[in-house]
Amino acid sequence: MQLSRSETGKLGEELTAYYLQKSGYEILRRNFRIKGGEIDIIARKDGIIAFVEVKTRDISALESGAEAVRSRKRSLIIRASQEYSCRYPHDCQPRFDISEVTVKSGKIVKFSYLDNAFDSSEDMTL
C-alpha cells in the first residue's frame, strides 16, 4: 500500500510522539508554525525542551532524514523555536532533535531518534 506524502509524514509524526510520550516527555505542541518555519513536535522532560524535526522517508530514499536537515532548515527551526519561547516563556534548556522514520509500502521498517542533533550555535545563514 502506497501512502501519500502527507500520510507518510503523519505516520512518522505519530510514531515519534508515541515514542516521546513512552519515554516520559510531555508533548507541548505539534506543528508549531510561524512565517517561514515549522517545528513538528515540541516536548518537555526534566528541564529540557526538545524541538523535534521528524523526517519520514521511503526505504528507497538516497539520503537519511538527518542528512535532509541542512543548514537552512536548521536555521528555520531555530528561529521558530525562538519565537515559540517568546510566545510561551519557559525556563527549560532547549535541545534540537531529529527523528528518522523509514517506511516501506506504508509500513514502518526503521526508527531512530537523535538527541541534540544540532544546536543554535551552528551557522544560521538564511
PDB file of N, CA and C in Angstrom:
ATOM      1  N   MET A   1       0.844  -1.185   0.000  1.00  0.00           N
ATOM      2  CA  MET A   1       0.000   0.000   0.000  1.00  0.00           C
ATOM      3  C   MET A   1       0.887   1.245   0.000  1.00  0.00           C
ATOM      4  N   GLN A   2       0.670   2.123  -0.928  1.00  0.00           N
ATOM      5  CA  GLN A   2       1.441   3.356  -1.039  1.00  0.00           C
ATOM      6  C   GLN A   2       0.679   4.487  -0.364  1.00  0.00           C
ATOM      7  N   LEU A   3       1.348   5.194   0.533  1.00  0.00           N
ATOM      8  CA  LEU A   3       0.752   6.331   1.213  1.00  0.00           C
ATOM      9  C   LEU A   3       1.121   7.617   0.493  1.00  0.00           C
ATOM     10  N   SER A   4       0.249   8.615   0.624  1.00  0.00           N
ATOM     11  CA  SER A   4       0.592   9.931   0.086  1.00  0.00           C
ATOM     12  C   SER A   4       1.711  10.523   0.932  1.00  0.00           C
ATOM     13  N   ARG A   5       2.317  11.566   0.421  1.00  0.00           N
ATOM     14  CA  ARG A   5       3.412  12.218   1.146  1.00  0.00           C
ATOM     15  C   ARG A   5       2.938  12.725   2.505  1.00  0.00           C
ATOM     16  N   SER A   6       1.764  13.333   2.560  1.00  0.00           N
ATOM     17  CA  SER A   6       1.258  13.855   3.834  1.00  0.00           C
ATOM     18  C   SER A   6       0.906  12.715   4.792  1.00  0.00           C
ATOM     19  N   GLU A   7       0.372  11.616   4.284  1.00  0.00           N
ATOM     20  CA  GLU A   7       0.071  10.455   5.131  1.00  0.00           C
ATOM     21  C   GLU A   7       1.360   9.844   5.691  1.00  0.00           C
ATOM     22  N   THR A   8       2.384   9.789   4.852  1.00  0.00           N
ATOM     23  CA  THR A   8       3.672   9.254   5.285  1.00  0.00           C
ATOM     24  C   THR A   8       4.255  10.124   6.395  1.00  0.00           C
ATOM     25  N   GLY A   9       4.206  11.434   6.212  1.00  0.00           N
ATOM     26  CA  GLY A   9       4.697  12.353   7.232  1.00  0.00           C
ATOM     27  C   GLY A   9       3.933  12.236   8.532  1.00  0.00           C
ATOM     28  N   LYS A  10       2.624  12.124   8.437  1.00  0.00           N
ATOM     29  CA  LYS A  10       1.785  11.992   9.632  1.00  0.00           C
ATOM     30  C   LYS A  10       2.107  10.701  10.376  1.00  0.00           C
ATOM     31  N   LEU A  11       2.359   9.631   9.644  1.00  0.00           N
ATOM     32  CA  LEU A  11       2.725   8.354  10.257  1.00  0.00           C
ATOM     33  C   LEU A  11       4.011   8.513  11.083  1.00  0.00           C
ATOM     34  N   GLY A  12       5.007   9.177  10.521  1.00  0.00           N
ATOM     35  CA  GLY A  12       6.255   9.421  11.233  1.00  0.00           C
ATOM     36  C   GLY A  12       6.066  10.289  12.465  1.00  0.00           C
ATOM     37  N   GLU A  13       5.238  11.314  12.352  1.00  0.00           N
ATOM     38  CA  GLU A  13       4.986  12.193  13.494  1.00  0.00           C
ATOM     39  C   GLU A  13       4.246  11.463  14.610  1.00  0.00           C
ATOM     40  N   GLU A  14       3.290  10.626  14.237  1.00  0.00           N
ATOM     41  CA  GLU A  14       2.548   9.852  15.237  1.00  0.00           C
ATOM     42  C   GLU A  14       3.479   8.914  15.992  1.00  0.00           C
ATOM     43  N   LEU A  15       4.347   8.210  15.271  1.00  0.00           N
ATOM     44  CA  LEU A  15       5.288   7.298  15.907  1.00  0.00           C
ATOM     45  C   LEU A  15       6.237   8.057  16.834  1.00  0.00           C
ATOM     46  N   THR A  16       6.725   9.198  16.383  1.00  0.00           N
ATOM     47  CA  THR A  16       7.648   9.987  17.193  1.00  0.00           C
ATOM     48  C   THR A  16       6.972  10.503  18.456  1.00  0.00           C
ATOM     49  N   ALA A  17       5.754  10.991  18.347  1.00  0.00           N
ATOM     50  CA  ALA A  17       5.021  11.468  19.522  1.00  0.00           C
ATOM     51  C   ALA A  17       4.794  10.317  20.507  1.00  0.00           C
ATOM     52  N   TYR A  18       4.446   9.152  19.994  1.00  0.00           N
ATOM     53  CA  TYR A  18       4.261   7.971  20.832  1.00  0.00           C
ATOM     54  C   TYR A  18       5.564   7.627  21.565  1.00  0.00           C
ATOM     55  N   TYR A  19       6.659   7.613  20.825  1.00  0.00           N
ATOM     56  CA  TYR A  19       7.981   7.321  21.405  1.00  0.00           C
ATOM     57  C   TYR A  19       8.311   8.314  22.524  1.00  0.00           C
ATOM     58  N   LEU A  20       8.107   9.594  22.262  1.00  0.00           N
ATOM     59  CA  LEU A  20       8.417  10.616  23.257  1.00  0.00           C
ATOM     60  C   LEU A  20       7.565  10.440  24.514  1.00  0.00           C
ATOM     61  N   GLN A  21       6.280  10.205  24.336  1.00  0.00           N
ATOM     62  CA  GLN A  21       5.403  10.011  25.494  1.00  0.00           C
ATOM     63  C   GLN A  21       5.818   8.781  26.296  1.00  0.00           C
ATOM     64  N   LYS A  22       6.133   7.700  25.621  1.00  0.00           N
ATOM     65  CA  LYS A  22       6.581   6.481  26.310  1.00  0.00           C
ATOM     66  C   LYS A  22       7.915   6.696  27.023  1.00  0.00           C
ATOM     67  N   SER A  23       8.700   7.670  26.541  1.00  0.00           N
ATOM     68  CA  SER A  23       9.992   7.991  27.157  1.00  0.00           C
ATOM     69  C   SER A  23       9.856   9.037  28.259  1.00  0.00           C
ATOM     70  N   GLY A  24       8.630   9.411  28.602  1.00  0.00           N
ATOM     71  CA  GLY A  24       8.393  10.327  29.703  1.00  0.00           C
ATOM     72  C   GLY A  24       8.273  11.793  29.352  1.00  0.00           C
ATOM     73  N   TYR A  25       8.254  12.110  28.063  1.00  0.00           N
ATOM     74  CA  TYR A  25       8.099  13.502  27.640  1.00  0.00           C
ATOM     75  C   TYR A  25       6.636  13.915  27.656  1.00  0.00           C
ATOM     76  N   GLU A  26       6.425  15.196  27.930  1.00  0.00           N
ATOM     77  CA  GLU A  26       5.113  15.808  27.782  1.00  0.00           C
ATOM     78  C   GLU A  26       5.106  16.523  26.434  1.00  0.00           C
ATOM     79  N   ILE A  27       4.161  16.190  25.587  1.00  0.00           N
ATOM     80  CA  ILE A  27       4.043  16.869  24.290  1.00  0.00           C
ATOM     81  C   ILE A  27       3.374  18.216  24.543  1.00  0.00           C
ATOM     82  N   LEU A  28       4.093  19.286  24.252  1.00  0.00           N
ATOM     83  CA  LEU A  28       3.569  20.632  24.461  1.00  0.00           C
ATOM     84  C   LEU A  28       2.821  21.143  23.242  1.00  0.00           C
ATOM     85  N   ARG A  29       3.340  20.819  22.088  1.00  0.00           N
ATOM     86  CA  ARG A  29       2.764  21.355  20.841  1.00  0.00           C
ATOM     87  C   ARG A  29       3.182  20.489  19.667  1.00  0.00           C
ATOM     88  N   ARG A  30       2.298  20.391  18.693  1.00  0.00           N
ATOM     89  CA  ARG A  30       2.630  19.716  17.439  1.00  0.00           C
ATOM     90  C   ARG A  30       2.370  20.686  16.298  1.00  0.00           C
ATOM     91  N   ASN A  31       3.252  20.669  15.316  1.00  0.00           N
ATOM     92  CA  ASN A  31       3.128  21.504  14.123  1.00  0.00           C
ATOM     93  C   ASN A  31       3.004  22.990  14.461  1.00  0.00           C
ATOM     94  N   PHE A  32       3.943  23.473  15.241  1.00  0.00           N
ATOM     95  CA  PHE A  32       4.008  24.898  15.562  1.00  0.00           C
ATOM     96  C   PHE A  32       4.566  25.626  14.351  1.00  0.00           C
ATOM     97  N   ARG A  33       3.762  26.555  13.816  1.00  0.00           N
ATOM     98  CA  ARG A  33       4.147  27.249  12.585  1.00  0.00           C
ATOM     99  C   ARG A  33       4.283  28.745  12.804  1.00  0.00           C
ATOM    100  N   ILE A  34       5.307  29.275  12.164  1.00  0.00           N
ATOM    101  CA  ILE A  34       5.437  30.718  12.023  1.00  0.00           C
ATOM    102  C   ILE A  34       5.721  30.971  10.547  1.00  0.00           C
ATOM    103  N   LYS A  35       5.696  32.228  10.155  1.00  0.00           N
ATOM    104  CA  LYS A  35       6.014  32.537   8.767  1.00  0.00           C
ATOM    105  C   LYS A  35       7.445  32.081   8.465  1.00  0.00           C
ATOM    106  N   GLY A  36       7.576  31.175   7.540  1.00  0.00           N
ATOM    107  CA  GLY A  36       8.888  30.696   7.137  1.00  0.00           C
ATOM    108  C   GLY A  36       9.446  29.532   7.929  1.00  0.00           C
ATOM    109  N   GLY A  37       8.688  28.979   8.874  1.00  0.00           N
ATOM    110  CA  GLY A  37       9.244  27.871   9.639  1.00  0.00           C
ATOM    111  C   GLY A  37       8.196  27.066  10.377  1.00  0.00           C
ATOM    112  N   GLU A  38       8.577  25.851  10.734  1.00  0.00           N
ATOM    113  CA  GLU A  38       7.680  24.970  11.463  1.00  0.00           C
ATOM    114  C   GLU A  38       8.510  24.025  12.325  1.00  0.00           C
ATOM    115  N   ILE A  39       7.954  23.676  13.469  1.00  0.00           N
ATOM    116  CA  ILE A  39       8.531  22.646  14.325  1.00  0.00           C
ATOM    117  C   ILE A  39       7.487  21.548  14.429  1.00  0.00           C
ATOM    118  N   ASP A  40       7.894  20.321  14.113  1.00  0.00           N
ATOM    119  CA  ASP A  40       6.943  19.213  14.089  1.00  0.00           C
ATOM    120  C   ASP A  40       6.409  18.875  15.476  1.00  0.00           C
ATOM    121  N   ILE A  41       7.313  18.750  16.453  1.00  0.00           N
ATOM    122  CA  ILE A  41       6.894  18.394  17.813  1.00  0.00           C
ATOM    123  C   ILE A  41       7.747  19.187  18.807  1.00  0.00           C
ATOM    124  N   ILE A  42       7.073  19.707  19.835  1.00  0.00           N
ATOM    125  CA  ILE A  42       7.765  20.356  20.943  1.00  0.00           C
ATOM    126  C   ILE A  42       7.382  19.567  22.198  1.00  0.00           C
ATOM    127  N   ALA A  43       8.408  19.090  22.904  1.00  0.00           N
ATOM    128  CA  ALA A  43       8.165  18.239  24.069  1.00  0.00           C
ATOM    129  C   ALA A  43       9.085  18.642  25.218  1.00  0.00           C
ATOM    130  N   ARG A  44       8.648  18.322  26.449  1.00  0.00           N
ATOM    131  CA  ARG A  44       9.411  18.714  27.632  1.00  0.00           C
ATOM    132  C   ARG A  44       9.608  17.514  28.565  1.00  0.00           C
ATOM    133  N   LYS A  45      10.823  17.470  29.140  1.00  0.00           N
ATOM    134  CA  LYS A  45      11.130  16.436  30.138  1.00  0.00           C
ATOM    135  C   LYS A  45      12.365  16.869  30.926  1.00  0.00           C
ATOM    136  N   ASP A  46      12.291  16.785  32.224  1.00  0.00           N
ATOM    137  CA  ASP A  46      13.442  17.004  33.101  1.00  0.00           C
ATOM    138  C   ASP A  46      14.220  18.293  32.793  1.00  0.00           C
ATOM    139  N   GLY A  47      13.494  19.402  32.615  1.00  0.00           N
ATOM    140  CA  GLY A  47      14.154  20.679  32.394  1.00  0.00           C
ATOM    141  C   GLY A  47      14.681  20.900  30.983  1.00  0.00           C
ATOM    142  N   ILE A  48      14.349  19.992  30.068  1.00  0.00           N
ATOM    143  CA  ILE A  48      14.741  20.105  28.659  1.00  0.00           C
ATOM    144  C   ILE A  48      13.486  20.343  27.830  1.00  0.00           C
ATOM    145  N   ILE A  49      13.567  21.268  26.890  1.00  0.00           N
ATOM    146  CA  ILE A  49      12.507  21.417  25.907  1.00  0.00           C
ATOM    147  C   ILE A  49      13.099  20.987  24.564  1.00  0.00           C
ATOM    148  N   ALA A  50      12.517  19.948  23.999  1.00  0.00           N
ATOM    149  CA  ALA A  50      13.027  19.378  22.749  1.00  0.00           C
ATOM    150  C   ALA A  50      12.196  19.900  21.583  1.00  0.00           C
ATOM    151  N   PHE A  51      12.888  20.493  20.621  1.00  0.00           N
ATOM    152  CA  PHE A  51      12.275  20.928  19.374  1.00  0.00           C
ATOM    153  C   PHE A  51      12.637  19.850  18.354  1.00  0.00           C
ATOM    154  N   VAL A  52      11.641  19.098  17.923  1.00  0.00           N
ATOM    155  CA  VAL A  52      11.881  17.874  17.165  1.00  0.00           C
ATOM    156  C   VAL A  52      11.455  18.019  15.709  1.00  0.00           C
ATOM    157  N   GLU A  53      12.396  17.741  14.814  1.00  0.00           N
ATOM    158  CA  GLU A  53      12.124  17.672  13.383  1.00  0.00           C
ATOM    159  C   GLU A  53      11.964  16.200  13.028  1.00  0.00           C
ATOM    160  N   VAL A  54      10.824  15.865  12.461  1.00  0.00           N
ATOM    161  CA  VAL A  54      10.550  14.480  12.078  1.00  0.00           C
ATOM    162  C   VAL A  54      10.750  14.348  10.577  1.00  0.00           C
ATOM    163  N   LYS A  55      11.591  13.417  10.175  1.00  0.00           N
ATOM    164  CA  LYS A  55      11.832  13.146   8.765  1.00  0.00           C
ATOM    165  C   LYS A  55      11.440  11.706   8.477  1.00  0.00           C
ATOM    166  N   THR A  56      10.399  11.552   7.676  1.00  0.00           N
ATOM    167  CA  THR A  56       9.926  10.227   7.295  1.00  0.00           C
ATOM    168  C   THR A  56      10.269  10.017   5.837  1.00  0.00           C
ATOM    169  N   ARG A  57      10.987   8.950   5.581  1.00  0.00           N
ATOM    170  CA  ARG A  57      11.499   8.660   4.243  1.00  0.00           C
ATOM    171  C   ARG A  57      11.105   7.257   3.805  1.00  0.00           C
ATOM    172  N   ASP A  58      10.923   7.091   2.502  1.00  0.00           N
ATOM    173  CA  ASP A  58      10.748   5.765   1.932  1.00  0.00           C
ATOM    174  C   ASP A  58      12.092   5.048   1.972  1.00  0.00           C
ATOM    175  N   ILE A  59      12.069   3.755   2.051  1.00  0.00           N
ATOM    176  CA  ILE A  59      13.297   2.966   2.141  1.00  0.00           C
ATOM    177  C   ILE A  59      14.217   3.194   0.934  1.00  0.00           C
ATOM    178  N   SER A  60      13.650   3.622  -0.179  1.00  0.00           N
ATOM    179  CA  SER A  60      14.455   3.852  -1.387  1.00  0.00           C
ATOM    180  C   SER A  60      15.105   5.235  -1.433  1.00  0.00           C
ATOM    181  N   ALA A  61      14.876   6.072  -0.419  1.00  0.00           N
ATOM    182  CA  ALA A  61      15.442   7.428  -0.401  1.00  0.00           C
ATOM    183  C   ALA A  61      16.964   7.375  -0.438  1.00  0.00           C
ATOM    184  N   LEU A  62      17.561   8.329  -1.119  1.00  0.00           N
ATOM    185  CA  LEU A  62      19.005   8.372  -1.280  1.00  0.00           C
ATOM    186  C   LEU A  62      19.738   8.996  -0.098  1.00  0.00           C
ATOM    187  N   GLU A  63      19.021   9.721   0.762  1.00  0.00           N
ATOM    188  CA  GLU A  63      19.657  10.332   1.921  1.00  0.00           C
ATOM    189  C   GLU A  63      18.827  10.050   3.165  1.00  0.00           C
ATOM    190  N   SER A  64      19.483  10.054   4.296  1.00  0.00           N
ATOM    191  CA  SER A  64      18.787   9.829   5.564  1.00  0.00           C
ATOM    192  C   SER A  64      17.985  11.074   5.946  1.00  0.00           C
ATOM    193  N   GLY A  65      17.128  10.909   6.915  1.00  0.00           N
ATOM    194  CA  GLY A  65      16.365  12.051   7.411  1.00  0.00           C
ATOM    195  C   GLY A  65      17.260  13.137   7.970  1.00  0.00           C
ATOM    196  N   ALA A  66      18.277  12.738   8.730  1.00  0.00           N
ATOM    197  CA  ALA A  66      19.189  13.726   9.319  1.00  0.00           C
ATOM    198  C   ALA A  66      19.951  14.485   8.237  1.00  0.00           C
ATOM    199  N   GLU A  67      20.352  13.790   7.180  1.00  0.00           N
ATOM    200  CA  GLU A  67      21.065  14.456   6.080  1.00  0.00           C
ATOM    201  C   GLU A  67      20.178  15.483   5.380  1.00  0.00           C
ATOM    202  N   ALA A  68      18.879  15.264   5.423  1.00  0.00           N
ATOM    203  CA  ALA A  68      17.940  16.171   4.764  1.00  0.00           C
ATOM    204  C   ALA A  68      17.719  17.465   5.552  1.00  0.00           C
ATOM    205  N   VAL A  69      18.152  17.488   6.797  1.00  0.00           N
ATOM    206  CA  VAL A  69      18.002  18.694   7.617  1.00  0.00           C
ATOM    207  C   VAL A  69      19.289  19.504   7.496  1.00  0.00           C
ATOM    208  N   ARG A  70      19.330  20.255   6.424  1.00  0.00           N
ATOM    209  CA  ARG A  70      20.512  21.054   6.093  1.00  0.00           C
ATOM    210  C   ARG A  70      20.513  22.384   6.846  1.00  0.00           C
ATOM    211  N   SER A  71      21.524  23.176   6.632  1.00  0.00           N
ATOM    212  CA  SER A  71      21.737  24.423   7.349  1.00  0.00           C
ATOM    213  C   SER A  71      20.521  25.356   7.300  1.00  0.00           C
ATOM    214  N   ARG A  72      19.948  25.540   6.134  1.00  0.00           N
ATOM    215  CA  ARG A  72      18.791  26.435   6.017  1.00  0.00           C
ATOM    216  C   ARG A  72      17.622  25.951   6.865  1.00  0.00           C
ATOM    217  N   LYS A  73      17.327  24.654   6.796  1.00  0.00           N
ATOM    218  CA  LYS A  73      16.228  24.075   7.571  1.00  0.00           C
ATOM    219  C   LYS A  73      16.507  24.218   9.064  1.00  0.00           C
ATOM    220  N   ARG A  74      17.746  23.970   9.459  1.00  0.00           N
ATOM    221  CA  ARG A  74      18.114  24.123  10.861  1.00  0.00           C
ATOM    222  C   ARG A  74      17.894  25.557  11.322  1.00  0.00           C
ATOM    223  N   SER A  75      18.284  26.513  10.514  1.00  0.00           N
ATOM    224  CA  SER A  75      18.094  27.923  10.846  1.00  0.00           C
ATOM    225  C   SER A  75      16.622  28.260  11.027  1.00  0.00           C
ATOM    226  N   LEU A  76      15.779  27.719  10.169  1.00  0.00           N
ATOM    227  CA  LEU A  76      14.337  27.966  10.269  1.00  0.00           C
ATOM    228  C   LEU A  76      13.756  27.352  11.541  1.00  0.00           C
ATOM    229  N   ILE A  77      14.229  26.168  11.897  1.00  0.00           N
ATOM    230  CA  ILE A  77      13.774  25.518  13.133  1.00  0.00           C
ATOM    231  C   ILE A  77      14.219  26.330  14.345  1.00  0.00           C
ATOM    232  N   ILE A  78      15.455  26.789  14.336  1.00  0.00           N
ATOM    233  CA  ILE A  78      15.975  27.597  15.445  1.00  0.00           C
ATOM    234  C   ILE A  78      15.161  28.882  15.579  1.00  0.00           C
ATOM    235  N   ARG A  79      14.887  29.529  14.453  1.00  0.00           N
ATOM    236  CA  ARG A  79      14.088  30.759  14.501  1.00  0.00           C
ATOM    237  C   ARG A  79      12.680  30.485  15.049  1.00  0.00           C
ATOM    238  N   ALA A  80      12.075  29.395  14.616  1.00  0.00           N
ATOM    239  CA  ALA A  80      10.737  29.034  15.118  1.00  0.00           C
ATOM    240  C   ALA A  80      10.793  28.721  16.616  1.00  0.00           C
ATOM    241  N   SER A  81      11.872  28.082  17.069  1.00  0.00           N
ATOM    242  CA  SER A  81      11.997  27.772  18.495  1.00  0.00           C
ATOM    243  C   SER A  81      12.130  29.051  19.320  1.00  0.00           C
ATOM    244  N   GLN A  82      12.833  30.031  18.783  1.00  0.00           N
ATOM    245  CA  GLN A  82      12.973  31.311  19.476  1.00  0.00           C
ATOM    246  C   GLN A  82      11.623  32.013  19.577  1.00  0.00           C
ATOM    247  N   GLU A  83      10.850  31.960  18.493  1.00  0.00           N
ATOM    248  CA  GLU A  83       9.515  32.566  18.519  1.00  0.00           C
ATOM    249  C   GLU A  83       8.609  31.845  19.518  1.00  0.00           C
ATOM    250  N   TYR A  84       8.670  30.523  19.525  1.00  0.00           N
ATOM    251  CA  TYR A  84       7.876  29.740  20.482  1.00  0.00           C
ATOM    252  C   TYR A  84       8.240  30.157  21.914  1.00  0.00           C
ATOM    253  N   SER A  85       9.531  30.260  22.175  1.00  0.00           N
ATOM    254  CA  SER A  85       9.995  30.596  23.521  1.00  0.00           C
ATOM    255  C   SER A  85       9.595  32.012  23.935  1.00  0.00           C
ATOM    256  N   CYS A  86       9.482  32.919  22.976  1.00  0.00           N
ATOM    257  CA  CYS A  86       8.993  34.273  23.272  1.00  0.00           C
ATOM    258  C   CYS A  86       7.497  34.254  23.569  1.00  0.00           C
ATOM    259  N   ARG A  87       6.743  33.502  22.776  1.00  0.00           N
ATOM    260  CA  ARG A  87       5.286  33.437  22.966  1.00  0.00           C
ATOM    261  C   ARG A  87       4.915  32.653  24.221  1.00  0.00           C
ATOM    262  N   TYR A  88       5.686  31.613  24.507  1.00  0.00           N
ATOM    263  CA  TYR A  88       5.389  30.725  25.630  1.00  0.00           C
ATOM    264  C   TYR A  88       6.648  30.590  26.497  1.00  0.00           C
ATOM    265  N   PRO A  89       6.919  31.610  27.317  1.00  0.00           N
ATOM    266  CA  PRO A  89       8.163  31.607  28.107  1.00  0.00           C
ATOM    267  C   PRO A  89       8.274  30.351  28.976  1.00  0.00           C
ATOM    268  N   HIS A  90       9.498  29.872  29.097  1.00  0.00           N
ATOM    269  CA  HIS A  90       9.781  28.679  29.891  1.00  0.00           C
ATOM    270  C   HIS A  90      11.196  28.810  30.436  1.00  0.00           C
ATOM    271  N   ASP A  91      11.524  27.967  31.386  1.00  0.00           N
ATOM    272  CA  ASP A  91      12.880  28.001  31.946  1.00  0.00           C
ATOM    273  C   ASP A  91      13.640  26.712  31.617  1.00  0.00           C
ATOM    274  N   CYS A  92      13.263  26.062  30.541  1.00  0.00           N
ATOM    275  CA  CYS A  92      13.890  24.808  30.127  1.00  0.00           C
ATOM    276  C   CYS A  92      15.082  25.070  29.204  1.00  0.00           C
ATOM    277  N   GLN A  93      16.009  24.140  29.203  1.00  0.00           N
ATOM    278  CA  GLN A  93      17.165  24.179  28.294  1.00  0.00           C
ATOM    279  C   GLN A  93      16.706  23.672  26.923  1.00  0.00           C
ATOM    280  N   PRO A  94      16.864  24.454  25.859  1.00  0.00           N
ATOM    281  CA  PRO A  94      16.432  23.989  24.535  1.00  0.00           C
ATOM    282  C   PRO A  94      17.372  22.933  23.959  1.00  0.00           C
ATOM    283  N   ARG A  95      16.785  22.016  23.211  1.00  0.00           N
ATOM    284  CA  ARG A  95      17.551  20.987  22.520  1.00  0.00           C
ATOM    285  C   ARG A  95      16.877  20.732  21.176  1.00  0.00           C
ATOM    286  N   PHE A  96      17.688  20.479  20.153  1.00  0.00           N
ATOM    287  CA  PHE A  96      17.175  20.252  18.805  1.00  0.00           C
ATOM    288  C   PHE A  96      17.438  18.799  18.415  1.00  0.00           C
ATOM    289  N   ASP A  97      16.343  18.067  18.241  1.00  0.00           N
ATOM    290  CA  ASP A  97      16.412  16.639  17.951  1.00  0.00           C
ATOM    291  C   ASP A  97      15.868  16.360  16.555  1.00  0.00           C
ATOM    292  N   ILE A  98      16.287  15.223  16.006  1.00  0.00           N
ATOM    293  CA  ILE A  98      15.751  14.751  14.718  1.00  0.00           C
ATOM    294  C   ILE A  98      15.263  13.322  14.899  1.00  0.00           C
ATOM    295  N   SER A  99      14.072  13.074  14.428  1.00  0.00           N
ATOM    296  CA  SER A  99      13.512  11.730  14.405  1.00  0.00           C
ATOM    297  C   SER A  99      13.530  11.247  12.959  1.00  0.00           C
ATOM    298  N   GLU A 100      14.135  10.073  12.751  1.00  0.00           N
ATOM    299  CA  GLU A 100      14.189   9.486  11.413  1.00  0.00           C
ATOM    300  C   GLU A 100      13.287   8.256  11.372  1.00  0.00           C
ATOM    301  N   VAL A 101      12.336   8.277  10.445  1.00  0.00           N
ATOM    302  CA  VAL A 101      11.420   7.155  10.284  1.00  0.00           C
ATOM    303  C   VAL A 101      11.521   6.687   8.840  1.00  0.00           C
ATOM    304  N   THR A 102      11.729   5.391   8.663  1.00  0.00           N
ATOM    305  CA  THR A 102      11.830   4.809   7.325  1.00  0.00           C
ATOM    306  C   THR A 102      10.640   3.890   7.114  1.00  0.00           C
ATOM    307  N   VAL A 103       9.989   4.049   5.950  1.00  0.00           N
ATOM    308  CA  VAL A 103       8.821   3.231   5.629  1.00  0.00           C
ATOM    309  C   VAL A 103       9.035   2.469   4.328  1.00  0.00           C
ATOM    310  N   LYS A 104       8.321   1.385   4.217  1.00  0.00           N
ATOM    311  CA  LYS A 104       8.308   0.588   3.001  1.00  0.00           C
ATOM    312  C   LYS A 104       6.880   0.096   2.813  1.00  0.00           C
ATOM    313  N   SER A 105       6.297   0.432   1.675  1.00  0.00           N
ATOM    314  CA  SER A 105       4.916   0.030   1.364  1.00  0.00           C
ATOM    315  C   SER A 105       3.947   0.416   2.479  1.00  0.00           C
ATOM    316  N   GLY A 106       4.124   1.619   3.020  1.00  0.00           N
ATOM    317  CA  GLY A 106       3.205   2.124   4.030  1.00  0.00           C
ATOM    318  C   GLY A 106       3.430   1.580   5.429  1.00  0.00           C
ATOM    319  N   LYS A 107       4.467   0.815   5.636  1.00  0.00           N
ATOM    320  CA  LYS A 107       4.770   0.228   6.942  1.00  0.00           C
ATOM    321  C   LYS A 107       6.111   0.766   7.452  1.00  0.00           C
ATOM    322  N   ILE A 108       6.183   1.000   8.741  1.00  0.00           N
ATOM    323  CA  ILE A 108       7.427   1.468   9.350  1.00  0.00           C
ATOM    324  C   ILE A 108       8.406   0.303   9.442  1.00  0.00           C
ATOM    325  N   VAL A 109       9.618   0.531   8.919  1.00  0.00           N
ATOM    326  CA  VAL A 109      10.638  -0.523   8.965  1.00  0.00           C
ATOM    327  C   VAL A 109      11.853  -0.120   9.802  1.00  0.00           C
ATOM    328  N   LYS A 110      11.978   1.180  10.102  1.00  0.00           N
ATOM    329  CA  LYS A 110      13.113   1.624  10.913  1.00  0.00           C
ATOM    330  C   LYS A 110      12.755   2.937  11.593  1.00  0.00           C
ATOM    331  N   PHE A 111      13.245   3.069  12.837  1.00  0.00           N
ATOM    332  CA  PHE A 111      13.031   4.292  13.599  1.00  0.00           C
ATOM    333  C   PHE A 111      14.310   4.599  14.360  1.00  0.00           C
ATOM    334  N   SER A 112      14.763   5.836  14.280  1.00  0.00           N
ATOM    335  CA  SER A 112      15.877   6.262  15.129  1.00  0.00           C
ATOM    336  C   SER A 112      15.616   7.695  15.584  1.00  0.00           C
ATOM    337  N   TYR A 113      16.086   7.978  16.783  1.00  0.00           N
ATOM    338  CA  TYR A 113      15.863   9.286  17.379  1.00  0.00           C
ATOM    339  C   TYR A 113      17.210   9.858  17.790  1.00  0.00           C
ATOM    340  N   LEU A 114      17.527  11.034  17.271  1.00  0.00           N
ATOM    341  CA  LEU A 114      18.824  11.670  17.518  1.00  0.00           C
ATOM    342  C   LEU A 114      18.658  12.845  18.480  1.00  0.00           C
ATOM    343  N   ASP A 115      19.050  12.626  19.737  1.00  0.00           N
ATOM    344  CA  ASP A 115      19.050  13.707  20.723  1.00  0.00           C
ATOM    345  C   ASP A 115      20.139  14.705  20.360  1.00  0.00           C
ATOM    346  N   ASN A 116      19.840  15.981  20.538  1.00  0.00           N
ATOM    347  CA  ASN A 116      20.843  17.029  20.348  1.00  0.00           C
ATOM    348  C   ASN A 116      21.536  16.911  18.986  1.00  0.00           C
ATOM    349  N   ALA A 117      20.731  16.761  17.944  1.00  0.00           N
ATOM    350  CA  ALA A 117      21.248  16.552  16.585  1.00  0.00           C
ATOM    351  C   ALA A 117      21.988  17.775  16.048  1.00  0.00           C
ATOM    352  N   PHE A 118      21.611  18.947  16.513  1.00  0.00           N
ATOM    353  CA  PHE A 118      22.304  20.188  16.144  1.00  0.00           C
ATOM    354  C   PHE A 118      22.011  21.206  17.226  1.00  0.00           C
ATOM    355  N   ASP A 119      22.734  22.321  17.197  1.00  0.00           N
ATOM    356  CA  ASP A 119      22.475  23.352  18.199  1.00  0.00           C
ATOM    357  C   ASP A 119      22.413  24.735  17.567  1.00  0.00           C
ATOM    358  N   SER A 120      21.993  25.684  18.377  1.00  0.00           N
ATOM    359  CA  SER A 120      21.754  27.038  17.856  1.00  0.00           C
ATOM    360  C   SER A 120      23.029  27.804  17.571  1.00  0.00           C
ATOM    361  N   SER A 121      24.178  27.264  17.914  1.00  0.00           N
ATOM    362  CA  SER A 121      25.429  27.961  17.626  1.00  0.00           C
ATOM    363  C   SER A 121      25.929  27.683  16.200  1.00  0.00           C
ATOM    364  N   GLU A 122      25.254  26.767  15.485  1.00  0.00           N
ATOM    365  CA  GLU A 122      25.675  26.455  14.118  1.00  0.00           C
ATOM    366  C   GLU A 122      25.364  27.626  13.199  1.00  0.00           C
ATOM    367  N   ASP A 123      25.940  27.591  12.025  1.00  0.00           N
ATOM    368  CA  ASP A 123      25.739  28.637  11.019  1.00  0.00           C
ATOM    369  C   ASP A 123      24.245  28.910  10.845  1.00  0.00           C
ATOM    370  N   MET A 124      23.836  30.156  11.036  1.00  0.00           N
ATOM    371  CA  MET A 124      22.421  30.495  10.923  1.00  0.00           C
ATOM    372  C   MET A 124      22.162  31.358   9.694  1.00  0.00           C
ATOM    373  N   THR A 125      22.952  31.206   8.692  1.00  0.00           N
ATOM    374  CA  THR A 125      22.770  31.971   7.465  1.00  0.00           C
ATOM    375  C   THR A 125      21.533  31.498   6.732  1.00  0.00           C
ATOM    376  N   LEU A 126      20.667  32.414   6.416  1.00  0.00           N
ATOM    377  CA  LEU A 126      19.483  32.085   5.623  1.00  0.00           C
ATOM    378  C   LEU A 126      19.782  32.501   4.213  1.00  0.00           C
TER     379      LEU A 126
END
